[in-house]
Amino acid sequence: MSFDQQAHLVAFDVEAATPIMFLDAQELSLVTISLGLGIVSDLFMGGIAIGALLVVASKKLKRGAKRGATQHFLWNLGLQVDPALARLAKPAWINDFTN
């Protein structure tokens, strides 16, 4: 009896997000927010234009980046916006598992 390696293979992108209308979740939320702001401000075409620009910029920024880089970048921006929160967070070079 031999071990069948093919039966135990896991796809590399098994945890990858499923795109919705060629957009991943972050881009879809950016487009939805820009369209909503365009509708509320009575500038529907402006909302569409801003949404399209955000998708193009997001695609260019993601090119060559590792998965999760955008979330980390936005988290880092949030720490820079709120200095009190940045003081509470440990620096990146300090491991959480050490004292």
N, C-alpha and C. Protein backbone atom coordinates (compact mmCIF):
# COMPACT_ATOMS: atom_id res chain seq x y z
N MET A 1 0.85 -1.18 0.00
CA MET A 1 0.00 0.00 0.00
C MET A 1 0.89 1.24 0.00
N SER A 2 0.73 2.07 -1.02
CA SER A 2 1.57 3.27 -1.12
C SER A 2 0.73 4.50 -0.80
N PHE A 3 1.43 5.54 -0.40
CA PHE A 3 0.80 6.81 -0.05
C PHE A 3 0.53 7.60 -1.33
N ASP A 4 -0.71 7.99 -1.55
CA ASP A 4 -1.09 8.74 -2.75
C ASP A 4 -0.97 10.23 -2.47
N GLN A 5 0.10 10.85 -3.00
CA GLN A 5 0.33 12.28 -2.76
C GLN A 5 -0.69 13.15 -3.50
N GLN A 6 -1.16 12.72 -4.63
CA GLN A 6 -2.13 13.51 -5.39
C GLN A 6 -3.44 13.69 -4.63
N ALA A 7 -3.79 12.74 -3.79
CA ALA A 7 -5.05 12.82 -3.05
C ALA A 7 -4.96 13.81 -1.89
N HIS A 8 -3.74 14.23 -1.53
CA HIS A 8 -3.56 15.11 -0.38
C HIS A 8 -3.04 16.49 -0.76
N LEU A 9 -3.09 16.86 -2.02
CA LEU A 9 -2.63 18.17 -2.45
C LEU A 9 -3.68 19.23 -2.14
N VAL A 10 -3.22 20.40 -1.74
CA VAL A 10 -4.09 21.54 -1.47
C VAL A 10 -3.71 22.64 -2.45
N ALA A 11 -4.69 23.25 -3.07
CA ALA A 11 -4.43 24.31 -4.03
C ALA A 11 -3.77 25.50 -3.35
N PHE A 12 -2.90 26.19 -4.08
CA PHE A 12 -2.17 27.33 -3.53
C PHE A 12 -3.10 28.47 -3.15
N ASP A 13 -4.12 28.72 -3.96
CA ASP A 13 -5.02 29.85 -3.72
C ASP A 13 -6.36 29.42 -3.13
N VAL A 14 -6.34 28.42 -2.27
CA VAL A 14 -7.59 27.92 -1.71
C VAL A 14 -8.28 28.96 -0.82
N GLU A 15 -7.52 29.86 -0.21
CA GLU A 15 -8.10 30.89 0.65
C GLU A 15 -8.25 32.24 -0.05
N ALA A 16 -8.02 32.29 -1.33
CA ALA A 16 -8.15 33.54 -2.07
C ALA A 16 -9.61 33.98 -2.12
N ALA A 17 -9.81 35.28 -2.06
CA ALA A 17 -11.17 35.82 -2.08
C ALA A 17 -11.80 35.64 -3.46
N THR A 18 -13.09 35.41 -3.47
CA THR A 18 -13.82 35.25 -4.72
C THR A 18 -14.17 36.64 -5.26
N PRO A 19 -13.75 36.95 -6.48
CA PRO A 19 -14.07 38.28 -7.02
C PRO A 19 -15.54 38.42 -7.37
N ILE A 20 -16.06 39.62 -7.19
CA ILE A 20 -17.44 39.94 -7.55
C ILE A 20 -17.37 40.98 -8.66
N MET A 21 -17.85 40.64 -9.84
CA MET A 21 -17.78 41.52 -11.01
C MET A 21 -16.36 42.01 -11.24
N PHE A 22 -15.40 41.11 -11.31
CA PHE A 22 -13.97 41.32 -11.54
C PHE A 22 -13.30 42.16 -10.44
N LEU A 23 -14.00 42.47 -9.35
CA LEU A 23 -13.43 43.25 -8.25
C LEU A 23 -13.34 42.38 -7.00
N ASP A 24 -12.29 42.56 -6.22
CA ASP A 24 -12.27 41.88 -4.93
C ASP A 24 -13.02 42.74 -3.91
N ALA A 25 -13.11 42.28 -2.70
CA ALA A 25 -13.99 42.91 -1.70
C ALA A 25 -13.60 44.36 -1.42
N GLN A 26 -12.31 44.65 -1.32
CA GLN A 26 -11.89 46.02 -1.03
C GLN A 26 -12.25 46.97 -2.16
N GLU A 27 -11.99 46.55 -3.39
CA GLU A 27 -12.31 47.41 -4.52
C GLU A 27 -13.82 47.60 -4.66
N LEU A 28 -14.58 46.56 -4.42
CA LEU A 28 -16.04 46.67 -4.50
C LEU A 28 -16.56 47.65 -3.45
N SER A 29 -15.99 47.61 -2.25
CA SER A 29 -16.45 48.54 -1.22
C SER A 29 -16.06 49.98 -1.58
N LEU A 30 -14.88 50.19 -2.18
CA LEU A 30 -14.49 51.54 -2.60
C LEU A 30 -15.42 52.07 -3.69
N VAL A 31 -15.77 51.21 -4.64
CA VAL A 31 -16.69 51.62 -5.71
C VAL A 31 -18.07 51.93 -5.14
N THR A 32 -18.54 51.09 -4.23
CA THR A 32 -19.86 51.30 -3.64
C THR A 32 -19.91 52.60 -2.85
N ILE A 33 -18.87 52.87 -2.08
CA ILE A 33 -18.82 54.10 -1.30
C ILE A 33 -18.78 55.32 -2.21
N SER A 34 -17.96 55.27 -3.27
CA SER A 34 -17.87 56.42 -4.16
C SER A 34 -19.19 56.64 -4.92
N LEU A 35 -19.83 55.54 -5.34
CA LEU A 35 -21.13 55.69 -6.00
C LEU A 35 -22.17 56.26 -5.03
N GLY A 36 -22.16 55.79 -3.80
CA GLY A 36 -23.10 56.31 -2.80
C GLY A 36 -22.89 57.79 -2.53
N LEU A 37 -21.63 58.19 -2.41
CA LEU A 37 -21.35 59.61 -2.21
C LEU A 37 -21.75 60.44 -3.43
N GLY A 38 -21.57 59.86 -4.61
CA GLY A 38 -21.99 60.56 -5.82
C GLY A 38 -23.49 60.72 -5.89
N ILE A 39 -24.23 59.73 -5.46
CA ILE A 39 -25.70 59.82 -5.46
C ILE A 39 -26.17 60.83 -4.43
N VAL A 40 -25.58 60.77 -3.23
CA VAL A 40 -26.00 61.69 -2.16
C VAL A 40 -25.69 63.14 -2.52
N SER A 41 -24.56 63.37 -3.15
CA SER A 41 -24.18 64.75 -3.49
C SER A 41 -24.72 65.19 -4.86
N ASP A 42 -25.56 64.36 -5.46
CA ASP A 42 -26.18 64.65 -6.75
C ASP A 42 -25.14 64.83 -7.86
N LEU A 43 -24.04 64.07 -7.75
CA LEU A 43 -23.00 64.05 -8.77
C LEU A 43 -22.74 62.59 -9.15
N PHE A 44 -23.74 61.97 -9.75
CA PHE A 44 -23.66 60.54 -10.05
C PHE A 44 -22.49 60.21 -10.96
N MET A 45 -22.29 61.00 -12.00
CA MET A 45 -21.18 60.74 -12.92
C MET A 45 -19.84 60.96 -12.23
N GLY A 46 -19.78 61.90 -11.32
CA GLY A 46 -18.56 62.10 -10.54
C GLY A 46 -18.25 60.90 -9.67
N GLY A 47 -19.29 60.31 -9.08
CA GLY A 47 -19.10 59.11 -8.28
C GLY A 47 -18.61 57.95 -9.11
N ILE A 48 -19.13 57.82 -10.33
CA ILE A 48 -18.67 56.76 -11.23
C ILE A 48 -17.20 56.99 -11.60
N ALA A 49 -16.85 58.25 -11.90
CA ALA A 49 -15.47 58.56 -12.28
C ALA A 49 -14.50 58.30 -11.13
N ILE A 50 -14.88 58.71 -9.93
CA ILE A 50 -14.02 58.49 -8.77
C ILE A 50 -13.89 57.00 -8.49
N GLY A 51 -14.98 56.26 -8.61
CA GLY A 51 -14.93 54.82 -8.42
C GLY A 51 -14.00 54.14 -9.42
N ALA A 52 -14.08 54.56 -10.67
CA ALA A 52 -13.20 53.98 -11.70
C ALA A 52 -11.74 54.32 -11.42
N LEU A 53 -11.47 55.55 -11.03
CA LEU A 53 -10.09 55.94 -10.70
C LEU A 53 -9.57 55.15 -9.50
N LEU A 54 -10.41 54.94 -8.51
CA LEU A 54 -9.98 54.16 -7.35
C LEU A 54 -9.67 52.72 -7.71
N VAL A 55 -10.46 52.14 -8.60
CA VAL A 55 -10.20 50.75 -9.02
C VAL A 55 -8.88 50.67 -9.79
N VAL A 56 -8.65 51.62 -10.70
CA VAL A 56 -7.40 51.62 -11.47
C VAL A 56 -6.21 51.81 -10.54
N ALA A 57 -6.31 52.76 -9.61
CA ALA A 57 -5.21 53.00 -8.67
C ALA A 57 -4.99 51.79 -7.77
N SER A 58 -6.06 51.17 -7.32
CA SER A 58 -5.93 50.00 -6.46
C SER A 58 -5.25 48.85 -7.19
N LYS A 59 -5.61 48.63 -8.45
CA LYS A 59 -4.99 47.57 -9.24
C LYS A 59 -3.49 47.84 -9.43
N LYS A 60 -3.13 49.11 -9.67
CA LYS A 60 -1.72 49.44 -9.86
C LYS A 60 -0.93 49.30 -8.57
N LEU A 61 -1.53 49.67 -7.45
CA LEU A 61 -0.83 49.56 -6.17
C LEU A 61 -0.67 48.10 -5.74
N LYS A 62 -1.62 47.25 -6.12
CA LYS A 62 -1.56 45.85 -5.73
C LYS A 62 -0.58 45.04 -6.55
N ARG A 63 -0.19 45.54 -7.71
CA ARG A 63 0.67 44.79 -8.60
C ARG A 63 2.01 44.50 -7.92
N GLY A 64 2.32 43.23 -7.75
CA GLY A 64 3.58 42.83 -7.16
C GLY A 64 3.59 42.83 -5.64
N ALA A 65 2.50 43.24 -5.01
CA ALA A 65 2.45 43.27 -3.55
C ALA A 65 1.99 41.93 -3.01
N LYS A 66 2.38 41.64 -1.81
CA LYS A 66 1.95 40.39 -1.18
C LYS A 66 0.49 40.51 -0.75
N ARG A 67 -0.14 39.36 -0.54
CA ARG A 67 -1.54 39.36 -0.11
C ARG A 67 -1.65 39.98 1.28
N GLY A 68 -2.59 40.87 1.48
CA GLY A 68 -2.79 41.52 2.77
C GLY A 68 -2.02 42.82 2.92
N ALA A 69 -1.27 43.23 1.90
CA ALA A 69 -0.48 44.46 2.00
C ALA A 69 -1.38 45.69 2.09
N THR A 70 -2.51 45.67 1.38
CA THR A 70 -3.42 46.81 1.41
C THR A 70 -4.04 46.97 2.80
N GLN A 71 -4.47 45.87 3.40
CA GLN A 71 -5.04 45.95 4.74
C GLN A 71 -4.00 46.48 5.73
N HIS A 72 -2.77 46.03 5.61
CA HIS A 72 -1.72 46.50 6.51
C HIS A 72 -1.46 47.98 6.31
N PHE A 73 -1.46 48.42 5.05
CA PHE A 73 -1.24 49.84 4.75
C PHE A 73 -2.36 50.69 5.35
N LEU A 74 -3.62 50.27 5.19
CA LEU A 74 -4.73 51.03 5.75
C LEU A 74 -4.69 51.04 7.27
N TRP A 75 -4.29 49.91 7.88
CA TRP A 75 -4.17 49.84 9.34
C TRP A 75 -3.09 50.81 9.80
N ASN A 76 -1.98 50.86 9.06
CA ASN A 76 -0.89 51.76 9.42
C ASN A 76 -1.33 53.22 9.28
N LEU A 77 -2.10 53.53 8.24
CA LEU A 77 -2.62 54.89 8.10
C LEU A 77 -3.52 55.27 9.27
N GLY A 78 -4.32 54.33 9.73
CA GLY A 78 -5.18 54.59 10.88
C GLY A 78 -4.39 54.88 12.13
N LEU A 79 -3.28 54.20 12.32
CA LEU A 79 -2.43 54.49 13.48
C LEU A 79 -1.80 55.87 13.37
N GLN A 80 -1.47 56.30 12.16
CA GLN A 80 -0.87 57.62 11.98
C GLN A 80 -1.89 58.72 12.19
N VAL A 81 -3.15 58.44 11.90
CA VAL A 81 -4.19 59.45 12.07
C VAL A 81 -4.49 59.66 13.55
N ASP A 82 -4.49 58.60 14.33
CA ASP A 82 -4.82 58.67 15.74
C ASP A 82 -3.55 58.44 16.58
N PRO A 83 -2.88 59.52 17.03
CA PRO A 83 -1.62 59.35 17.75
C PRO A 83 -1.77 58.60 19.07
N ALA A 84 -2.92 58.74 19.72
CA ALA A 84 -3.12 58.03 20.98
C ALA A 84 -3.11 56.52 20.75
N LEU A 85 -3.69 56.09 19.66
CA LEU A 85 -3.71 54.67 19.33
C LEU A 85 -2.32 54.18 18.96
N ALA A 86 -1.55 55.03 18.31
CA ALA A 86 -0.18 54.65 17.92
C ALA A 86 0.69 54.47 19.16
N ARG A 87 0.46 55.25 20.20
CA ARG A 87 1.25 55.11 21.44
C ARG A 87 0.95 53.78 22.12
N LEU A 88 -0.29 53.29 21.98
CA LEU A 88 -0.66 52.04 22.63
C LEU A 88 -0.15 50.81 21.87
N ALA A 89 0.07 50.94 20.58
CA ALA A 89 0.52 49.80 19.77
C ALA A 89 2.01 49.61 19.93
N LYS A 90 2.42 48.35 19.98
CA LYS A 90 3.85 48.04 20.06
C LYS A 90 4.49 48.28 18.71
N PRO A 91 5.76 48.64 18.71
CA PRO A 91 6.47 48.76 17.42
C PRO A 91 6.53 47.42 16.70
N ALA A 92 6.67 47.45 15.39
CA ALA A 92 6.63 46.23 14.58
C ALA A 92 7.77 45.28 14.90
N TRP A 93 8.91 45.80 15.35
CA TRP A 93 10.05 44.93 15.59
C TRP A 93 9.98 44.21 16.92
N ILE A 94 9.01 44.53 17.76
CA ILE A 94 8.83 43.83 19.04
C ILE A 94 7.80 42.72 18.83
N ASN A 95 8.20 41.52 19.12
CA ASN A 95 7.31 40.36 18.95
C ASN A 95 6.32 40.30 20.11
N ASP A 96 5.06 40.01 19.81
CA ASP A 96 4.04 39.95 20.86
C ASP A 96 4.27 38.80 21.83
N PHE A 97 5.01 37.79 21.41
CA PHE A 97 5.18 36.62 22.26
C PHE A 97 6.37 36.74 23.21
N THR A 98 7.11 37.84 23.15
CA THR A 98 8.23 38.02 24.07
C THR A 98 7.87 39.07 25.10
N ASN A 99 8.57 39.03 26.21
CA ASN A 99 8.32 40.02 27.28
C ASN A 99 9.20 41.22 27.15
